[in-house]
């Protein structure tokens, strides 16, 4: 599995439009065969800060996600709503709770 955390900051007046764009993308993304989770998280401390928490079955599934029409539509929809392009951090399980052998 591959886990991506994408950190994005919106412009203060664009929060609602950003959430709307993310809702459409998240719903479509969650239906992809290679997507396990696709969550949009908003900071309590700074409502302009978001994390897209994405869990994929594989690196190939993440690559396929980036080729979907809904991803392209999302990128175009949010480009003027955000302060700068998102910063992604990629993770893999160090200990998979489903396969620890207990």
Protein backbone atom coordinates (compact mmCIF):
# COMPACT_ATOMS: atom_id res chain seq x y z
CA UNK A 1 0.00 0.00 0.00
CA UNK A 2 0.97 3.61 -0.55
CA UNK A 3 -0.26 6.49 1.60
CA UNK A 4 -0.08 10.07 0.36
CA UNK A 5 -0.65 13.13 2.52
CA UNK A 6 -1.04 16.22 0.37
CA UNK A 7 -0.78 19.48 2.31
CA UNK A 8 -2.64 22.38 0.69
CA UNK A 9 -3.36 25.92 1.84
CA UNK A 10 -6.23 27.83 0.29
CA UNK A 11 -6.75 31.53 0.00
CA UNK A 12 -8.99 32.65 2.90
CA UNK A 13 -11.94 33.65 0.70
CA UNK A 14 -11.75 30.40 -1.30
CA UNK A 15 -12.30 27.80 1.43
CA UNK A 16 -15.87 26.87 0.46
CA UNK A 17 -15.08 26.60 -3.26
CA UNK A 18 -12.04 24.45 -2.46
CA UNK A 19 -14.11 22.10 -0.28
CA UNK A 20 -16.73 21.80 -3.03
CA UNK A 21 -14.09 20.91 -5.64
CA UNK A 22 -12.50 18.40 -3.27
CA UNK A 23 -15.85 16.77 -2.50
CA UNK A 24 -16.42 15.97 -6.17
CA UNK A 25 -12.87 14.66 -6.60
CA UNK A 26 -12.95 12.59 -3.40
CA UNK A 27 -16.24 10.94 -4.31
CA UNK A 28 -14.99 9.99 -7.78
CA UNK A 29 -11.58 8.93 -6.42
CA UNK A 30 -13.13 6.64 -3.80
CA UNK A 31 -14.78 4.65 -6.59
CA UNK A 32 -11.47 3.88 -8.33
CA UNK A 33 -10.44 0.22 -8.08
CA UNK A 34 -6.99 1.05 -6.67
CA UNK A 35 -8.13 3.55 -4.03
CA UNK A 36 -8.67 2.32 -0.47
CA UNK A 37 -9.35 5.72 1.19
CA UNK A 38 -9.59 9.29 0.02
CA UNK A 39 -10.23 11.79 2.82
CA UNK A 40 -10.22 15.57 2.83
CA UNK A 41 -9.17 16.96 6.24
CA UNK A 42 -9.37 20.58 7.38
CA UNK A 43 -7.32 22.06 10.23
CA UNK A 44 -9.18 23.30 13.31
CA UNK A 45 -6.36 25.75 14.01
CA UNK A 46 -6.20 27.25 10.52
CA UNK A 47 -9.24 26.60 8.32
CA UNK A 48 -7.24 27.44 5.18
CA UNK A 49 -5.02 24.37 5.74
CA UNK A 50 -6.08 21.01 4.34
CA UNK A 51 -4.65 17.52 4.04
CA UNK A 52 -5.76 15.11 1.36
CA UNK A 53 -5.21 11.70 2.95
CA UNK A 54 -5.05 9.13 0.15
CA UNK A 55 -4.48 5.39 0.50
CA UNK A 56 -3.76 3.37 -2.62
CA UNK A 57 -3.33 -0.35 -3.19
CA UNK A 58 -0.07 0.33 -5.07
CA UNK A 59 2.16 2.94 -6.66
CA UNK A 60 0.51 2.05 -9.98
CA UNK A 61 -2.92 2.83 -8.51
CA UNK A 62 -1.72 6.28 -7.46
CA UNK A 63 -0.31 6.86 -10.95
CA UNK A 64 -3.61 5.75 -12.51
CA UNK A 65 -5.50 8.17 -10.24
CA UNK A 66 -3.48 11.06 -11.60
CA UNK A 67 -4.62 10.17 -15.14
CA UNK A 68 -8.36 10.28 -14.39
CA UNK A 69 -10.60 13.02 -15.79
CA UNK A 70 -11.85 13.95 -12.31
CA UNK A 71 -8.28 14.54 -11.09
CA UNK A 72 -7.57 16.82 -14.06
CA UNK A 73 -10.84 18.67 -13.46
CA UNK A 74 -9.98 19.07 -9.76
CA UNK A 75 -6.52 20.49 -10.54
CA UNK A 76 -8.01 23.08 -12.87
CA UNK A 77 -10.79 23.93 -10.40
CA UNK A 78 -8.42 24.59 -7.47
CA UNK A 79 -5.44 26.22 -9.16
CA UNK A 80 -6.72 29.75 -8.45
CA UNK A 81 -8.05 28.84 -4.99
CA UNK A 82 -4.77 27.78 -3.40
CA UNK A 83 -1.78 29.74 -2.15
CA UNK A 84 0.76 27.44 -3.86
CA UNK A 85 0.82 23.89 -5.24
CA UNK A 86 0.25 21.16 -2.68
CA UNK A 87 3.15 19.40 -0.99
CA UNK A 88 2.88 15.62 -0.94
CA UNK A 89 4.48 13.26 1.55
CA UNK A 90 4.47 9.57 0.66
CA UNK A 91 4.37 6.82 3.29
CA UNK A 92 4.28 3.04 3.47
CA UNK A 93 3.41 0.88 6.46
CA UNK A 94 6.34 0.23 8.77
CA UNK A 95 4.05 -2.07 10.72
CA UNK A 96 0.86 -3.17 9.00
CA UNK A 97 -1.74 -3.77 11.73
CA UNK A 98 -3.39 -6.37 9.50
CA UNK A 99 -0.18 -8.41 9.07
CA UNK A 100 1.82 -8.23 12.29
CA UNK A 101 1.71 -11.97 12.97
CA UNK A 102 0.11 -11.87 16.42
